[in-house]
N, C-alpha and C. Protein backbone atom coordinates (compact mmCIF):
# COMPACT_ATOMS: atom_id res chain seq x y z
N MET A 1 73.17 40.41 41.27
CA MET A 1 73.03 38.99 40.72
C MET A 1 74.43 38.07 41.55
N LYS A 2 74.05 37.11 42.23
CA LYS A 2 74.77 36.07 42.79
C LYS A 2 75.17 35.07 41.51
N ILE A 3 76.82 34.80 42.05
CA ILE A 3 77.23 33.93 40.93
C ILE A 3 78.07 33.03 41.88
N THR A 4 77.97 31.60 41.75
CA THR A 4 78.78 30.55 42.61
C THR A 4 79.63 30.08 41.63
N LEU A 5 80.79 30.07 41.80
CA LEU A 5 82.23 29.75 40.97
C LEU A 5 82.89 28.54 41.72
N VAL A 6 82.89 27.46 40.78
CA VAL A 6 83.47 26.32 41.54
C VAL A 6 84.50 25.98 40.84
N SER A 7 85.79 25.83 41.18
CA SER A 7 87.08 24.91 40.48
C SER A 7 87.24 23.64 40.89
N ILE A 8 87.31 22.93 40.11
CA ILE A 8 87.29 21.35 40.41
C ILE A 8 88.80 21.03 39.62
N TYR A 9 89.35 19.90 40.51
CA TYR A 9 90.50 19.28 39.76
C TYR A 9 90.00 17.51 40.53
N GLY A 10 89.56 16.82 39.53
CA GLY A 10 89.13 15.39 39.81
C GLY A 10 90.55 14.67 40.24
N PRO A 11 90.19 13.81 41.15
CA PRO A 11 91.32 12.77 41.19
C PRO A 11 91.60 11.91 40.14
N ASN A 12 92.51 11.17 40.02
CA ASN A 12 93.08 9.91 39.15
C ASN A 12 92.51 8.99 39.62
N ALA A 13 91.50 8.48 40.42
CA ALA A 13 90.73 7.28 40.68
C ALA A 13 89.50 7.78 41.67
N ASN A 14 88.56 6.70 41.12
CA ASN A 14 87.10 7.30 41.62
C ASN A 14 86.54 8.30 41.36
N GLN A 15 87.07 9.03 39.97
CA GLN A 15 86.49 10.29 39.70
C GLN A 15 85.03 10.54 39.64
N LYS A 16 84.20 9.54 39.19
CA LYS A 16 82.66 9.66 39.01
C LYS A 16 82.32 9.79 40.37
N HIS A 17 82.66 9.09 41.46
CA HIS A 17 82.24 9.29 42.81
C HIS A 17 82.37 10.59 43.28
N TYR A 18 83.63 11.07 43.05
CA TYR A 18 84.02 12.23 43.69
C TYR A 18 83.16 13.37 43.15
N ILE A 19 83.19 13.53 41.96
CA ILE A 19 82.44 14.42 40.97
C ILE A 19 80.96 14.62 41.49
N LYS A 20 80.30 13.19 41.39
CA LYS A 20 78.82 13.27 42.02
C LYS A 20 78.73 13.93 43.33
N LYS A 21 79.69 13.63 44.21
CA LYS A 21 79.38 14.33 45.59
C LYS A 21 79.75 15.86 45.49
N VAL A 22 80.66 16.17 44.73
CA VAL A 22 80.65 17.88 44.67
C VAL A 22 79.58 18.52 43.98
N LEU A 23 78.77 17.60 42.94
CA LEU A 23 77.97 18.13 42.24
C LEU A 23 76.52 18.31 42.94
N ARG A 24 76.62 17.22 44.01
CA ARG A 24 75.55 17.17 45.17
C ARG A 24 75.63 18.52 45.85
N LYS A 25 76.89 18.77 46.51
CA LYS A 25 77.18 20.11 47.44
C LYS A 25 77.03 21.14 46.83
N VAL A 26 77.05 21.49 45.38
CA VAL A 26 76.93 22.55 44.62
C VAL A 26 75.68 22.79 44.67
N ASN A 27 74.77 21.74 44.27
CA ASN A 27 73.37 21.77 44.34
C ASN A 27 72.68 22.26 45.57
N GLU A 28 73.45 21.67 47.06
CA GLU A 28 72.62 22.05 48.07
C GLU A 28 73.00 23.66 48.63
N TYR A 29 74.36 24.22 48.07
CA TYR A 29 74.96 25.22 48.76
C TYR A 29 74.70 26.36 47.59
N ALA A 30 74.80 26.40 46.39
CA ALA A 30 75.00 27.36 45.31
C ALA A 30 73.61 28.21 45.23
N GLU A 31 74.42 29.69 45.06
CA GLU A 31 73.38 30.78 45.22
C GLU A 31 73.23 31.30 43.49
N GLY A 32 72.29 31.43 42.95
CA GLY A 32 72.14 32.34 41.90
C GLY A 32 73.04 31.48 40.56
N GLU A 33 73.65 32.41 39.73
CA GLU A 33 74.04 31.49 38.55
C GLU A 33 75.18 30.43 38.86
N VAL A 34 75.39 29.33 38.39
CA VAL A 34 76.41 28.52 38.71
C VAL A 34 77.57 28.27 37.49
N LEU A 35 78.76 28.38 37.80
CA LEU A 35 79.72 27.84 36.94
C LEU A 35 80.71 26.99 37.59
N ILE A 36 80.92 25.92 37.04
CA ILE A 36 81.90 24.58 37.66
C ILE A 36 82.96 24.43 36.62
N ALA A 37 84.16 24.90 36.66
CA ALA A 37 85.03 24.44 35.80
C ALA A 37 86.44 24.02 36.25
N GLY A 38 87.19 23.15 35.34
CA GLY A 38 88.23 22.40 35.68
C GLY A 38 88.50 21.43 35.24
N ASP A 39 89.67 20.74 35.78
CA ASP A 39 89.81 19.23 34.97
C ASP A 39 89.27 18.36 36.00
N TYR A 40 88.30 17.54 35.07
CA TYR A 40 87.52 16.55 35.95
C TYR A 40 88.30 15.35 35.91
N ASN A 41 89.03 15.03 35.19
CA ASN A 41 89.92 13.69 34.83
C ASN A 41 88.88 12.56 34.40
N MET A 42 87.99 12.88 33.81
CA MET A 42 86.90 12.00 33.47
C MET A 42 86.11 12.65 32.01
N GLU A 43 85.69 11.69 31.32
CA GLU A 43 84.62 12.14 30.21
C GLU A 43 83.29 12.50 30.83
N LEU A 44 82.58 13.30 30.37
CA LEU A 44 81.24 13.79 30.95
C LEU A 44 80.42 13.71 29.40
N THR A 45 79.19 13.62 29.67
CA THR A 45 78.35 13.30 28.36
C THR A 45 76.94 13.92 28.69
N SER A 46 76.17 14.57 27.97
CA SER A 46 74.87 14.90 28.04
C SER A 46 73.91 13.95 27.46
N GLN A 47 74.17 12.84 27.28
CA GLN A 47 73.48 11.52 26.65
C GLN A 47 73.59 10.39 27.63
N ARG A 48 72.33 9.58 27.38
CA ARG A 48 72.31 8.46 28.13
C ARG A 48 73.58 7.66 27.85
N CYS A 49 74.65 6.67 28.30
CA CYS A 49 75.31 5.90 27.97
C CYS A 49 74.94 4.39 28.70
N LYS A 50 75.52 3.71 27.53
CA LYS A 50 75.18 2.10 28.31
C LYS A 50 76.28 1.74 29.34
N GLY A 51 77.21 2.46 29.11
CA GLY A 51 78.56 2.01 29.83
C GLY A 51 78.30 2.85 31.31
N ASN A 52 79.17 2.49 32.45
CA ASN A 52 79.26 3.07 33.43
C ASN A 52 80.43 4.11 33.44
N SER A 53 81.02 4.40 32.56
CA SER A 53 82.44 5.05 32.81
C SER A 53 82.07 6.71 32.46
N LYS A 54 81.09 7.17 32.09
CA LYS A 54 80.78 8.58 31.66
C LYS A 54 79.62 9.02 32.77
N LEU A 55 79.95 10.46 33.22
CA LEU A 55 78.87 10.85 33.90
C LEU A 55 78.02 11.79 33.30
N ASN A 56 76.59 11.66 33.31
CA ASN A 56 75.64 12.36 32.73
C ASN A 56 75.55 13.55 33.32
N ILE A 57 75.66 14.88 32.67
CA ILE A 57 75.62 16.04 33.42
C ILE A 57 74.05 16.54 33.15
N ASP A 58 73.26 15.76 32.15
CA ASP A 58 71.81 16.35 32.17
C ASP A 58 71.25 15.83 33.39
N GLU A 59 71.60 14.90 34.10
CA GLU A 59 70.90 14.43 35.41
C GLU A 59 70.98 15.49 36.31
N TYR A 60 72.23 16.36 36.28
CA TYR A 60 72.28 17.38 37.31
C TYR A 60 71.60 18.82 36.91
N GLY A 61 70.87 19.28 35.53
CA GLY A 61 70.65 20.12 34.94
C GLY A 61 71.85 20.90 34.45
N LEU A 62 72.93 20.19 33.89
CA LEU A 62 74.15 21.08 33.81
C LEU A 62 74.19 20.76 32.24
N MET A 63 75.04 21.77 31.65
CA MET A 63 75.61 21.76 30.42
C MET A 63 77.04 22.26 29.87
N ASP A 64 77.76 21.86 29.01
CA ASP A 64 79.11 22.33 28.58
C ASP A 64 79.00 23.37 28.10
N LEU A 65 79.76 24.61 28.66
CA LEU A 65 79.57 25.65 28.21
C LEU A 65 80.77 25.97 27.20
N MET A 66 81.78 24.79 26.95
CA MET A 66 82.81 25.14 26.04
C MET A 66 82.39 24.75 24.67
N ASN A 67 81.45 24.09 24.27
CA ASN A 67 81.19 23.83 23.08
C ASN A 67 79.67 24.58 22.53
N ILE A 68 79.15 25.50 23.68
CA ILE A 68 77.92 25.90 23.35
C ILE A 68 77.89 26.58 22.07
N GLU A 69 78.70 27.22 21.19
CA GLU A 69 78.51 27.81 20.10
C GLU A 69 78.57 26.99 19.06
N SER A 70 79.76 26.00 19.04
CA SER A 70 79.94 25.26 17.85
C SER A 70 79.31 24.02 17.73
N GLY A 71 78.85 23.62 19.15
CA GLY A 71 78.07 22.21 19.31
C GLY A 71 79.35 21.30 19.18
N VAL A 72 80.51 21.39 18.76
CA VAL A 72 81.37 20.29 18.57
C VAL A 72 82.37 20.24 20.08
N SER A 73 82.20 19.37 20.49
CA SER A 73 83.31 19.03 21.78
C SER A 73 84.65 19.08 21.33
N LYS A 74 85.60 19.75 21.77
CA LYS A 74 87.23 19.80 21.26
C LYS A 74 87.93 19.00 22.72
N TYR A 75 88.83 18.34 22.20
CA TYR A 75 89.71 17.45 23.00
C TYR A 75 90.52 18.29 23.85
N THR A 76 90.73 17.83 25.18
CA THR A 76 91.53 18.56 25.90
C THR A 76 92.91 17.75 26.43
N TYR A 77 92.81 16.48 26.16
CA TYR A 77 93.97 15.58 26.46
C TYR A 77 94.35 14.83 25.51
N TYR A 78 95.48 14.29 25.33
CA TYR A 78 95.97 13.36 24.45
C TYR A 78 96.84 12.55 25.42
N SER A 79 96.66 10.84 25.36
CA SER A 79 97.49 9.98 26.02
C SER A 79 98.24 9.44 24.92
N GLY A 80 99.48 9.57 25.04
CA GLY A 80 100.73 9.14 24.08
C GLY A 80 100.72 7.47 24.46
N ARG A 81 100.63 7.23 25.46
CA ARG A 81 100.76 5.89 25.64
C ARG A 81 99.84 5.37 25.11
N HIS A 82 98.35 5.48 25.00
CA HIS A 82 97.40 4.77 24.53
C HIS A 82 96.95 5.39 23.09
N ASN A 83 97.87 6.52 22.54
CA ASN A 83 97.44 7.17 21.52
C ASN A 83 95.93 7.38 21.25
N THR A 84 95.32 8.12 22.21
CA THR A 84 93.98 8.37 22.39
C THR A 84 94.04 9.75 22.53
N TYR A 85 92.95 10.43 22.33
CA TYR A 85 92.38 11.93 22.63
C TYR A 85 90.97 11.76 23.41
N SER A 86 90.84 12.66 24.59
CA SER A 86 89.52 12.70 25.34
C SER A 86 89.54 14.20 25.47
N LYS A 87 88.38 14.65 26.21
CA LYS A 87 88.23 15.89 26.84
C LYS A 87 87.76 15.48 28.23
N MET A 88 88.84 16.43 29.20
CA MET A 88 88.55 15.91 30.67
C MET A 88 88.51 17.40 31.31
N ASP A 89 88.70 18.39 30.66
CA ASP A 89 88.56 19.87 31.22
C ASP A 89 87.17 20.31 30.60
N TYR A 90 86.29 20.87 31.42
CA TYR A 90 85.05 21.33 31.16
C TYR A 90 84.87 22.80 31.80
N ILE A 91 83.82 23.25 31.25
CA ILE A 91 83.17 24.58 31.94
C ILE A 91 81.56 24.43 31.95
N LEU A 92 81.03 24.07 32.85
CA LEU A 92 79.53 23.39 33.28
C LEU A 92 78.93 24.71 33.88
N GLY A 93 77.75 24.71 33.13
CA GLY A 93 76.51 25.72 33.57
C GLY A 93 75.22 25.14 33.89
N LYS A 94 74.60 25.68 34.64
CA LYS A 94 73.07 25.42 34.97
C LYS A 94 72.62 25.67 33.39
N LYS A 95 71.72 24.75 33.06
CA LYS A 95 71.00 25.08 31.81
C LYS A 95 69.86 26.36 31.69
N THR A 96 70.09 26.55 32.84
CA THR A 96 68.77 27.87 32.99
C THR A 96 69.67 29.22 32.84
N ASN A 97 70.80 29.10 32.72
CA ASN A 97 71.75 30.17 32.74
C ASN A 97 71.96 30.90 31.57
N LYS A 98 71.38 32.25 31.73
CA LYS A 98 71.42 32.93 30.21
C LYS A 98 72.42 33.84 30.15
N ILE A 99 72.96 33.77 29.17
CA ILE A 99 74.32 34.76 28.70
C ILE A 99 73.63 36.01 28.31
N GLN A 100 73.64 37.34 28.93
CA GLN A 100 73.28 38.43 28.28
C GLN A 100 74.43 39.43 27.96
C-alpha cells in the first residue's frame, strides 16, 4: 500500500492562497492514501461559509481526522492579545481513506 504523507507549515499571511496551492500539488502527485498534517495558520471548515476567511476542505475531498471520533473540534491555539481560541493545526485525510 502506498501512502503520501505531507507536512505543512502555513505562512502568517496569504495562508488560503498557499494552502490551496499545496492541496492542488498534493492532488496532482499523491499516490495511495493521503495524510496532510501540520500548522495551517488558519481555520479550515467542512461547511460552506459566507465569509472568505476559511478554506472549505470538502472541496478537496478531505476530512479532519483529529475530530473523527468525537465529532468535536478541539482548539489548538489561544491568542492572549485577542482573548480568542481557534484551531489551526490539523491532520487531514482523503474521505475515501479507511482505517483498518
